[in-house]
């Protein structure tokens, strides 16, 4: 039996998680939209029927996402984020598998400056709505799952997040100083990509413990964010201090953003600080 079935293994979080799964010796199968060169991969369009030769599994980790905050309707976004979750939830039920769904804090909407488990839900773009519906599918059909609502994630070659990840990549790889558009006063508590991978690994460890002791199943929604709160200018200044001490931030005019602070769930380990992450790169 395949132990773990994962989607999105070639993505930002997926690459970090896949390495840890391999290092720990898990038997992993990958659902991919096109060939990626994984040892055990199955091609799927993320909307039709699952491959007929897909083996049974104990755990499904659904990381694949069609990201984008456009207000225009795009059916492919719903195929990848929602329809795929419907198909995989049914498959999880047939396998009696534990399901981990990667979601986003955006399901609460963009009007709140502080977000936590008691914040009302109110997705206000198609990406957030597609994730909200995916969450509801999992909650409705499964009784052994973890939904992880992730805030912004930082790391080399990661998605934009107000230009932070480009700034990290440019500074570390190209020695180019970061560019700040606007004042940079907006506060965030982004989490490191490697810590997201570690958090998912901890969920797997807890699943193994439950399975071994035959304890009750779990259904939970977690918020993955760092306890470290910084504004964007502080993030960029830290890049300067650690990576390019002889340079300065390049200041540009730009639109101002509001704060968005996520109240994180209690982490099962000590999360690294932004400075510690940068130090590990240089």
C-alpha atoms as a PDB file:
ATOM      1  CA  UNK A   1       0.000   0.000   0.000  1.00  0.00           C
ATOM      2  CA  UNK A   2       1.200   3.521  -0.817  1.00  0.00           C
ATOM      3  CA  UNK A   3       1.591   5.388   2.461  1.00  0.00           C
ATOM      4  CA  UNK A   4       1.217   8.955   1.222  1.00  0.00           C
ATOM      5  CA  UNK A   5      -0.387  10.498  -1.848  1.00  0.00           C
ATOM      6  CA  UNK A   6       0.652  14.107  -2.455  1.00  0.00           C
ATOM      7  CA  UNK A   7      -0.328  16.821  -4.911  1.00  0.00           C
ATOM      8  CA  UNK A   8       1.736  19.921  -5.549  1.00  0.00           C
ATOM      9  CA  UNK A   9       5.061  18.235  -4.757  1.00  0.00           C
ATOM     10  CA  UNK A  10       6.854  20.369  -7.343  1.00  0.00           C
ATOM     11  CA  UNK A  11       5.526  23.610  -5.857  1.00  0.00           C
ATOM     12  CA  UNK A  12       7.076  25.963  -3.317  1.00  0.00           C
ATOM     13  CA  UNK A  13       6.017  24.091  -0.162  1.00  0.00           C
ATOM     14  CA  UNK A  14       5.856  20.733  -1.925  1.00  0.00           C
ATOM     15  CA  UNK A  15       9.550  20.667  -2.820  1.00  0.00           C
ATOM     16  CA  UNK A  16      10.539  21.203   0.802  1.00  0.00           C
ATOM     17  CA  UNK A  17       8.017  18.676   2.093  1.00  0.00           C
ATOM     18  CA  UNK A  18       8.824  16.039  -0.518  1.00  0.00           C
ATOM     19  CA  UNK A  19      12.507  16.106   0.461  1.00  0.00           C
ATOM     20  CA  UNK A  20      11.611  15.494   4.107  1.00  0.00           C
ATOM     21  CA  UNK A  21       9.237  12.673   3.198  1.00  0.00           C
ATOM     22  CA  UNK A  22      11.939  10.978   1.154  1.00  0.00           C
ATOM     23  CA  UNK A  23      14.538  11.452   3.893  1.00  0.00           C
ATOM     24  CA  UNK A  24      12.218   9.787   6.394  1.00  0.00           C
ATOM     25  CA  UNK A  25      11.624   6.844   4.070  1.00  0.00           C
ATOM     26  CA  UNK A  26       7.921   7.285   3.398  1.00  0.00           C
ATOM     27  CA  UNK A  27       6.490   5.498   0.392  1.00  0.00           C
ATOM     28  CA  UNK A  28       5.099   8.399  -1.632  1.00  0.00           C
ATOM     29  CA  UNK A  29       2.990   8.639  -4.779  1.00  0.00           C
ATOM     30  CA  UNK A  30       2.613  11.914  -6.656  1.00  0.00           C
ATOM     31  CA  UNK A  31      -0.396  13.225  -8.541  1.00  0.00           C
ATOM     32  CA  UNK A  32       0.855  15.609 -11.240  1.00  0.00           C
ATOM     33  CA  UNK A  33      -0.628  17.457 -14.209  1.00  0.00           C
ATOM     34  CA  UNK A  34       2.345  16.609 -16.393  1.00  0.00           C
ATOM     35  CA  UNK A  35       5.457  14.482 -16.027  1.00  0.00           C
ATOM     36  CA  UNK A  36       7.808  15.768 -13.318  1.00  0.00           C
ATOM     37  CA  UNK A  37      10.203  12.870 -13.049  1.00  0.00           C
ATOM     38  CA  UNK A  38       9.080  11.585  -9.675  1.00  0.00           C
ATOM     39  CA  UNK A  39       9.743   7.908  -9.044  1.00  0.00           C
ATOM     40  CA  UNK A  40       6.075   7.088  -8.517  1.00  0.00           C
ATOM     41  CA  UNK A  41       3.891   9.620 -10.331  1.00  0.00           C
ATOM     42  CA  UNK A  42       0.409   9.537 -11.829  1.00  0.00           C
ATOM     43  CA  UNK A  43      -0.845  12.010 -14.436  1.00  0.00           C
ATOM     44  CA  UNK A  44      -4.164  13.699 -13.648  1.00  0.00           C
ATOM     45  CA  UNK A  45      -5.923  16.790 -15.022  1.00  0.00           C
ATOM     46  CA  UNK A  46      -7.305  17.677 -11.552  1.00  0.00           C
ATOM     47  CA  UNK A  47     -10.905  17.657 -12.730  1.00  0.00           C
ATOM     48  CA  UNK A  48     -11.749  14.289 -14.287  1.00  0.00           C
ATOM     49  CA  UNK A  49     -11.713  10.836 -12.791  1.00  0.00           C
ATOM     50  CA  UNK A  50      -8.622   9.844 -10.852  1.00  0.00           C
ATOM     51  CA  UNK A  51      -6.173   7.462 -12.567  1.00  0.00           C
ATOM     52  CA  UNK A  52      -7.631   3.958 -12.520  1.00  0.00           C
ATOM     53  CA  UNK A  53      -4.331   2.461 -11.375  1.00  0.00           C
ATOM     54  CA  UNK A  54      -3.883   4.805  -8.418  1.00  0.00           C
ATOM     55  CA  UNK A  55      -3.024   2.620  -5.407  1.00  0.00           C
ATOM     56  CA  UNK A  56      -4.677   2.900  -2.010  1.00  0.00           C
ATOM     57  CA  UNK A  57      -3.040   5.181   0.572  1.00  0.00           C
ATOM     58  CA  UNK A  58      -3.060   6.036   4.270  1.00  0.00           C
ATOM     59  CA  UNK A  59      -2.618   9.796   3.918  1.00  0.00           C
ATOM     60  CA  UNK A  60      -3.463  12.380   1.261  1.00  0.00           C
ATOM     61  CA  UNK A  61      -1.650  15.729   1.329  1.00  0.00           C
ATOM     62  CA  UNK A  62      -3.341  18.162  -1.052  1.00  0.00           C
ATOM     63  CA  UNK A  63      -0.972  21.080  -1.687  1.00  0.00           C
ATOM     64  CA  UNK A  64      -1.680  21.796  -5.357  1.00  0.00           C
ATOM     65  CA  UNK A  65      -3.252  25.193  -5.952  1.00  0.00           C
ATOM     66  CA  UNK A  66      -4.129  27.573  -8.738  1.00  0.00           C
ATOM     67  CA  UNK A  67      -3.066  30.862  -7.182  1.00  0.00           C
ATOM     68  CA  UNK A  68      -4.239  34.321  -8.198  1.00  0.00           C
ATOM     69  CA  UNK A  69      -6.369  37.100  -6.748  1.00  0.00           C
ATOM     70  CA  UNK A  70      -8.170  38.267  -9.882  1.00  0.00           C
ATOM     71  CA  UNK A  71     -11.875  39.015  -9.529  1.00  0.00           C
ATOM     72  CA  UNK A  72     -12.476  37.468 -12.952  1.00  0.00           C
ATOM     73  CA  UNK A  73     -13.910  33.957 -13.072  1.00  0.00           C
ATOM     74  CA  UNK A  74     -11.495  31.242 -14.215  1.00  0.00           C
ATOM     75  CA  UNK A  75     -12.812  27.684 -14.347  1.00  0.00           C
ATOM     76  CA  UNK A  76      -9.304  26.235 -14.091  1.00  0.00           C
ATOM     77  CA  UNK A  77      -8.906  27.794 -10.648  1.00  0.00           C
ATOM     78  CA  UNK A  78     -11.989  25.924  -9.451  1.00  0.00           C
ATOM     79  CA  UNK A  79     -10.851  22.717 -11.149  1.00  0.00           C
ATOM     80  CA  UNK A  80      -7.502  22.697  -9.341  1.00  0.00           C
ATOM     81  CA  UNK A  81      -8.620  24.111  -6.001  1.00  0.00           C
ATOM     82  CA  UNK A  82     -12.157  22.775  -5.610  1.00  0.00           C
ATOM     83  CA  UNK A  83     -13.116  20.004  -8.034  1.00  0.00           C
ATOM     84  CA  UNK A  84      -9.866  18.180  -7.293  1.00  0.00           C
ATOM     85  CA  UNK A  85     -10.681  18.333  -3.578  1.00  0.00           C
ATOM     86  CA  UNK A  86     -14.090  16.771  -4.214  1.00  0.00           C
ATOM     87  CA  UNK A  87     -12.453  13.912  -6.142  1.00  0.00           C
ATOM     88  CA  UNK A  88      -9.663  13.414  -3.602  1.00  0.00           C
ATOM     89  CA  UNK A  89     -12.046  13.556  -0.635  1.00  0.00           C
ATOM     90  CA  UNK A  90     -14.095  10.753  -2.135  1.00  0.00           C
ATOM     91  CA  UNK A  91     -10.897   8.792  -2.713  1.00  0.00           C
ATOM     92  CA  UNK A  92      -9.776   9.423   0.885  1.00  0.00           C
ATOM     93  CA  UNK A  93     -13.102   8.125   2.144  1.00  0.00           C
ATOM     94  CA  UNK A  94     -12.780   4.970   0.051  1.00  0.00           C
ATOM     95  CA  UNK A  95      -9.254   4.382   1.423  1.00  0.00           C
ATOM     96  CA  UNK A  96     -10.118   5.408   4.982  1.00  0.00           C
ATOM     97  CA  UNK A  97      -7.250   7.887   4.662  1.00  0.00           C
ATOM     98  CA  UNK A  98      -6.234  10.911   6.723  1.00  0.00           C
ATOM     99  CA  UNK A  99      -6.547  14.112   4.639  1.00  0.00           C
ATOM    100  CA  UNK A 100      -4.374  17.234   4.914  1.00  0.00           C
ATOM    101  CA  UNK A 101      -5.688  20.212   2.931  1.00  0.00           C
ATOM    102  CA  UNK A 102      -3.542  23.288   2.370  1.00  0.00           C
ATOM    103  CA  UNK A 103      -5.790  26.335   2.453  1.00  0.00           C
ATOM    104  CA  UNK A 104      -5.280  30.051   3.079  1.00  0.00           C
ATOM    105  CA  UNK A 105      -6.199  32.726   5.606  1.00  0.00           C
ATOM    106  CA  UNK A 106      -7.843  34.548   2.699  1.00  0.00           C
ATOM    107  CA  UNK A 107     -11.013  32.516   3.298  1.00  0.00           C
ATOM    108  CA  UNK A 108     -11.752  35.163   5.949  1.00  0.00           C
ATOM    109  CA  UNK A 109     -11.639  37.939   3.349  1.00  0.00           C
ATOM    110  CA  UNK A 110      -9.317  40.905   3.026  1.00  0.00           C
ATOM    111  CA  UNK A 111     -11.057  43.424   5.304  1.00  0.00           C
ATOM    112  CA  UNK A 112      -9.584  42.206   8.589  1.00  0.00           C
ATOM    113  CA  UNK A 113      -6.257  43.399  10.004  1.00  0.00           C
ATOM    114  CA  UNK A 114      -6.227  40.579  12.569  1.00  0.00           C
ATOM    115  CA  UNK A 115      -7.286  37.038  11.711  1.00  0.00           C
ATOM    116  CA  UNK A 116      -7.862  34.008  13.932  1.00  0.00           C
ATOM    117  CA  UNK A 117     -10.203  31.091  14.455  1.00  0.00           C
ATOM    118  CA  UNK A 118     -13.019  33.383  15.632  1.00  0.00           C
ATOM    119  CA  UNK A 119     -12.797  35.719  12.633  1.00  0.00           C
ATOM    120  CA  UNK A 120     -15.866  35.438  10.352  1.00  0.00           C
ATOM    121  CA  UNK A 121     -15.384  33.732   7.006  1.00  0.00           C
ATOM    122  CA  UNK A 122     -15.985  35.857   3.932  1.00  0.00           C
ATOM    123  CA  UNK A 123     -13.890  35.092   0.841  1.00  0.00           C
ATOM    124  CA  UNK A 124     -13.879  38.099  -1.489  1.00  0.00           C
ATOM    125  CA  UNK A 125     -12.031  36.810  -4.562  1.00  0.00           C
ATOM    126  CA  UNK A 126     -12.244  33.621  -6.622  1.00  0.00           C
ATOM    127  CA  UNK A 127      -9.053  32.120  -5.226  1.00  0.00           C
ATOM    128  CA  UNK A 128     -10.275  32.480  -1.642  1.00  0.00           C
ATOM    129  CA  UNK A 129     -13.758  31.280  -2.597  1.00  0.00           C
ATOM    130  CA  UNK A 130     -12.383  28.183  -4.324  1.00  0.00           C
ATOM    131  CA  UNK A 131     -10.403  27.353  -1.180  1.00  0.00           C
ATOM    132  CA  UNK A 132     -13.380  28.036   1.083  1.00  0.00           C
ATOM    133  CA  UNK A 133     -15.545  25.602  -0.891  1.00  0.00           C
ATOM    134  CA  UNK A 134     -12.720  23.026  -0.807  1.00  0.00           C
ATOM    135  CA  UNK A 135     -12.610  23.336   2.985  1.00  0.00           C
ATOM    136  CA  UNK A 136     -16.364  22.808   3.222  1.00  0.00           C
ATOM    137  CA  UNK A 137     -16.097  19.683   1.066  1.00  0.00           C
ATOM    138  CA  UNK A 138     -13.503  18.195   3.419  1.00  0.00           C
ATOM    139  CA  UNK A 139     -15.464  19.142   6.552  1.00  0.00           C
ATOM    140  CA  UNK A 140     -18.676  17.691   5.135  1.00  0.00           C
ATOM    141  CA  UNK A 141     -17.401  14.382   3.782  1.00  0.00           C
ATOM    142  CA  UNK A 142     -14.449  13.381   5.982  1.00  0.00           C
ATOM    143  CA  UNK A 143     -13.938  12.737   9.669  1.00  0.00           C
ATOM    144  CA  UNK A 144     -10.132  12.475   9.794  1.00  0.00           C
ATOM    145  CA  UNK A 145      -8.538  15.627   8.453  1.00  0.00           C
ATOM    146  CA  UNK A 146      -6.410  18.687   9.116  1.00  0.00           C
ATOM    147  CA  UNK A 147      -7.089  21.911   7.251  1.00  0.00           C
ATOM    148  CA  UNK A 148      -4.078  24.211   7.405  1.00  0.00           C
ATOM    149  CA  UNK A 149      -4.823  27.870   6.759  1.00  0.00           C
ATOM    150  CA  UNK A 150      -1.449  29.292   5.854  1.00  0.00           C
ATOM    151  CA  UNK A 151      -0.494  32.952   5.943  1.00  0.00           C
ATOM    152  CA  UNK A 152       2.204  34.332   3.638  1.00  0.00           C
ATOM    153  CA  UNK A 153       5.227  32.059   3.250  1.00  0.00           C
ATOM    154  CA  UNK A 154       8.739  33.352   2.761  1.00  0.00           C
ATOM    155  CA  UNK A 155      11.718  31.666   1.162  1.00  0.00           C
ATOM    156  CA  UNK A 156      13.932  31.767  -1.903  1.00  0.00           C
ATOM    157  CA  UNK A 157      11.967  31.665  -5.179  1.00  0.00           C
ATOM    158  CA  UNK A 158       8.656  31.798  -3.361  1.00  0.00           C
ATOM    159  CA  UNK A 159       5.509  33.690  -4.434  1.00  0.00           C
ATOM    160  CA  UNK A 160       5.588  37.478  -4.237  1.00  0.00           C
ATOM    161  CA  UNK A 161       4.072  38.411  -0.847  1.00  0.00           C
ATOM    162  CA  UNK A 162       4.562  42.142  -1.369  1.00  0.00           C
ATOM    163  CA  UNK A 163       7.893  41.547  -3.078  1.00  0.00           C
ATOM    164  CA  UNK A 164       9.506  39.927  -0.054  1.00  0.00           C
ATOM    165  CA  UNK A 165      10.490  36.643  -1.675  1.00  0.00           C
ATOM    166  CA  UNK A 166      11.870  38.382  -4.756  1.00  0.00           C
ATOM    167  CA  UNK A 167      13.917  40.553  -2.395  1.00  0.00           C
ATOM    168  CA  UNK A 168      15.286  37.471  -0.631  1.00  0.00           C
ATOM    169  CA  UNK A 169      16.095  35.724  -3.914  1.00  0.00           C
ATOM    170  CA  UNK A 170      17.687  38.787  -5.505  1.00  0.00           C
ATOM    171  CA  UNK A 171      19.801  39.556  -2.441  1.00  0.00           C
ATOM    172  CA  UNK A 172      21.034  36.012  -1.815  1.00  0.00           C
ATOM    173  CA  UNK A 173      21.465  34.839  -5.404  1.00  0.00           C
ATOM    174  CA  UNK A 174      22.237  38.046  -7.313  1.00  0.00           C
ATOM    175  CA  UNK A 175      23.480  40.457  -4.616  1.00  0.00           C
ATOM    176  CA  UNK A 176      20.811  42.963  -5.636  1.00  0.00           C
ATOM    177  CA  UNK A 177      19.424  45.153  -2.815  1.00  0.00           C
ATOM    178  CA  UNK A 178      15.683  44.971  -2.048  1.00  0.00           C
ATOM    179  CA  UNK A 179      13.192  47.439  -3.492  1.00  0.00           C
ATOM    180  CA  UNK A 180      10.500  48.935  -1.256  1.00  0.00           C
ATOM    181  CA  UNK A 181       7.352  50.222  -2.931  1.00  0.00           C
ATOM    182  CA  UNK A 182       5.664  52.696  -0.580  1.00  0.00           C
ATOM    183  CA  UNK A 183       6.435  53.175   3.107  1.00  0.00           C
ATOM    184  CA  UNK A 184       6.462  49.483   4.019  1.00  0.00           C
ATOM    185  CA  UNK A 185       4.495  50.092   7.214  1.00  0.00           C
ATOM    186  CA  UNK A 186       2.097  47.172   6.648  1.00  0.00           C
ATOM    187  CA  UNK A 187       2.646  44.466   9.255  1.00  0.00           C
ATOM    188  CA  UNK A 188       2.752  40.748   8.575  1.00  0.00           C
ATOM    189  CA  UNK A 189       3.772  37.563  10.400  1.00  0.00           C
ATOM    190  CA  UNK A 190       4.913  35.426   7.493  1.00  0.00           C
ATOM    191  CA  UNK A 191       6.162  31.892   8.119  1.00  0.00           C
ATOM    192  CA  UNK A 192       9.248  30.217   6.658  1.00  0.00           C
ATOM    193  CA  UNK A 193       8.622  27.587   3.979  1.00  0.00           C
ATOM    194  CA  UNK A 194      10.779  25.028   5.791  1.00  0.00           C
ATOM    195  CA  UNK A 195       8.699  25.503   8.951  1.00  0.00           C
ATOM    196  CA  UNK A 196       5.504  24.825   6.987  1.00  0.00           C
ATOM    197  CA  UNK A 197       7.047  21.557   5.786  1.00  0.00           C
ATOM    198  CA  UNK A 198       8.086  20.668   9.338  1.00  0.00           C
ATOM    199  CA  UNK A 199       4.594  21.422  10.633  1.00  0.00           C
ATOM    200  CA  UNK A 200       3.076  19.039   8.080  1.00  0.00           C
ATOM    201  CA  UNK A 201       5.644  16.405   9.070  1.00  0.00           C
ATOM    202  CA  UNK A 202       4.486  16.811  12.676  1.00  0.00           C
ATOM    203  CA  UNK A 203       0.892  16.198  11.561  1.00  0.00           C
ATOM    204  CA  UNK A 204       2.077  12.942   9.983  1.00  0.00           C
ATOM    205  CA  UNK A 205       3.874  11.950  13.194  1.00  0.00           C
ATOM    206  CA  UNK A 206       0.693  12.547  15.171  1.00  0.00           C
ATOM    207  CA  UNK A 207      -1.290  10.530  12.637  1.00  0.00           C
ATOM    208  CA  UNK A 208       1.147   7.623  13.020  1.00  0.00           C
ATOM    209  CA  UNK A 209       0.774   7.822  16.811  1.00  0.00           C
ATOM    210  CA  UNK A 210      -3.031   7.826  16.571  1.00  0.00           C
ATOM    211  CA  UNK A 211      -2.928   4.912  14.181  1.00  0.00           C
ATOM    212  CA  UNK A 212      -0.624   2.907  16.440  1.00  0.00           C
ATOM    213  CA  UNK A 213      -2.729   3.497  19.546  1.00  0.00           C
ATOM    214  CA  UNK A 214      -6.047   3.225  17.698  1.00  0.00           C
ATOM    215  CA  UNK A 215      -7.174   6.517  19.215  1.00  0.00           C
ATOM    216  CA  UNK A 216     -10.001   8.595  17.811  1.00  0.00           C
ATOM    217  CA  UNK A 217      -9.738  10.429  14.521  1.00  0.00           C
ATOM    218  CA  UNK A 218      -9.073  14.128  14.316  1.00  0.00           C
ATOM    219  CA  UNK A 219     -10.767  16.992  12.534  1.00  0.00           C
ATOM    220  CA  UNK A 220      -9.071  20.327  12.967  1.00  0.00           C
ATOM    221  CA  UNK A 221      -8.356  23.659  11.346  1.00  0.00           C
ATOM    222  CA  UNK A 222      -4.915  25.110  12.043  1.00  0.00           C
ATOM    223  CA  UNK A 223      -3.419  28.535  11.407  1.00  0.00           C
ATOM    224  CA  UNK A 224       0.199  28.419  10.254  1.00  0.00           C
ATOM    225  CA  UNK A 225       1.929  31.723  10.919  1.00  0.00           C
ATOM    226  CA  UNK A 226       4.933  33.012  12.811  1.00  0.00           C
ATOM    227  CA  UNK A 227       4.685  34.677  16.228  1.00  0.00           C
ATOM    228  CA  UNK A 228       7.208  37.217  14.894  1.00  0.00           C
ATOM    229  CA  UNK A 229       5.427  40.347  13.638  1.00  0.00           C
ATOM    230  CA  UNK A 230       7.316  42.772  11.381  1.00  0.00           C
ATOM    231  CA  UNK A 231       6.414  45.440   8.873  1.00  0.00           C
ATOM    232  CA  UNK A 232       7.598  45.061   5.290  1.00  0.00           C
ATOM    233  CA  UNK A 233      10.342  47.644   5.686  1.00  0.00           C
ATOM    234  CA  UNK A 234      11.713  45.732   8.698  1.00  0.00           C
ATOM    235  CA  UNK A 235      11.782  42.529   6.646  1.00  0.00           C
ATOM    236  CA  UNK A 236      13.747  44.282   3.902  1.00  0.00           C
ATOM    237  CA  UNK A 237      16.090  45.998   6.346  1.00  0.00           C
ATOM    238  CA  UNK A 238      16.860  42.598   7.872  1.00  0.00           C
ATOM    239  CA  UNK A 239      17.825  41.374   4.401  1.00  0.00           C
ATOM    240  CA  UNK A 240      20.204  44.322   4.125  1.00  0.00           C
ATOM    241  CA  UNK A 241      21.666  43.739   7.603  1.00  0.00           C
ATOM    242  CA  UNK A 242      22.295  40.022   7.090  1.00  0.00           C
ATOM    243  CA  UNK A 243      22.946  39.607   3.371  1.00  0.00           C
ATOM    244  CA  UNK A 244      24.042  42.986   1.967  1.00  0.00           C
ATOM    245  CA  UNK A 245      25.397  45.101   4.863  1.00  0.00           C
ATOM    246  CA  UNK A 246      27.033  47.609   2.512  1.00  0.00           C
ATOM    247  CA  UNK A 247      23.833  48.325   0.581  1.00  0.00           C
ATOM    248  CA  UNK A 248      20.606  50.236   1.239  1.00  0.00           C
ATOM    249  CA  UNK A 249      16.944  49.627   0.485  1.00  0.00           C
ATOM    250  CA  UNK A 250      15.891  51.123  -2.848  1.00  0.00           C
ATOM    251  CA  UNK A 251      12.880  53.338  -2.118  1.00  0.00           C
ATOM    252  CA  UNK A 252      10.096  53.641  -4.711  1.00  0.00           C
ATOM    253  CA  UNK A 253       6.624  55.138  -4.734  1.00  0.00           C
ATOM    254  CA  UNK A 254       3.836  52.604  -4.381  1.00  0.00           C
ATOM    255  CA  UNK A 255       0.414  51.837  -2.994  1.00  0.00           C
ATOM    256  CA  UNK A 256       0.107  51.346   0.736  1.00  0.00           C
ATOM    257  CA  UNK A 257      -1.202  48.096   2.166  1.00  0.00           C
ATOM    258  CA  UNK A 258      -3.013  47.469   5.443  1.00  0.00           C
ATOM    259  CA  UNK A 259      -1.869  45.216   8.265  1.00  0.00           C
ATOM    260  CA  UNK A 260      -2.808  41.531   8.210  1.00  0.00           C
ATOM    261  CA  UNK A 261      -1.755  39.697  11.349  1.00  0.00           C
ATOM    262  CA  UNK A 262      -2.699  36.033  11.800  1.00  0.00           C
ATOM    263  CA  UNK A 263      -3.079  34.529  15.261  1.00  0.00           C
ATOM    264  CA  UNK A 264      -1.167  31.263  14.838  1.00  0.00           C
ATOM    265  CA  UNK A 265      -2.057  27.891  16.252  1.00  0.00           C
ATOM    266  CA  UNK A 266       0.394  26.625  18.856  1.00  0.00           C
ATOM    267  CA  UNK A 267       3.382  25.350  16.912  1.00  0.00           C
ATOM    268  CA  UNK A 268       4.721  21.883  17.800  1.00  0.00           C
ATOM    269  CA  UNK A 269       8.291  23.207  17.649  1.00  0.00           C
ATOM    270  CA  UNK A 270      10.136  26.516  17.804  1.00  0.00           C
ATOM    271  CA  UNK A 271       9.671  28.425  14.558  1.00  0.00           C
ATOM    272  CA  UNK A 272      12.737  30.153  13.212  1.00  0.00           C
ATOM    273  CA  UNK A 273      12.948  33.919  12.994  1.00  0.00           C
ATOM    274  CA  UNK A 274      13.335  35.732   9.704  1.00  0.00           C
ATOM    275  CA  UNK A 275      16.902  36.684  10.618  1.00  0.00           C
ATOM    276  CA  UNK A 276      17.774  33.076  11.468  1.00  0.00           C
ATOM    277  CA  UNK A 277      16.476  31.957   8.086  1.00  0.00           C
ATOM    278  CA  UNK A 278      18.598  34.520   6.264  1.00  0.00           C
ATOM    279  CA  UNK A 279      21.684  33.608   8.287  1.00  0.00           C
ATOM    280  CA  UNK A 280      21.212  29.980   7.213  1.00  0.00           C
ATOM    281  CA  UNK A 281      21.461  31.091   3.571  1.00  0.00           C
ATOM    282  CA  UNK A 282      24.702  33.071   3.731  1.00  0.00           C
END
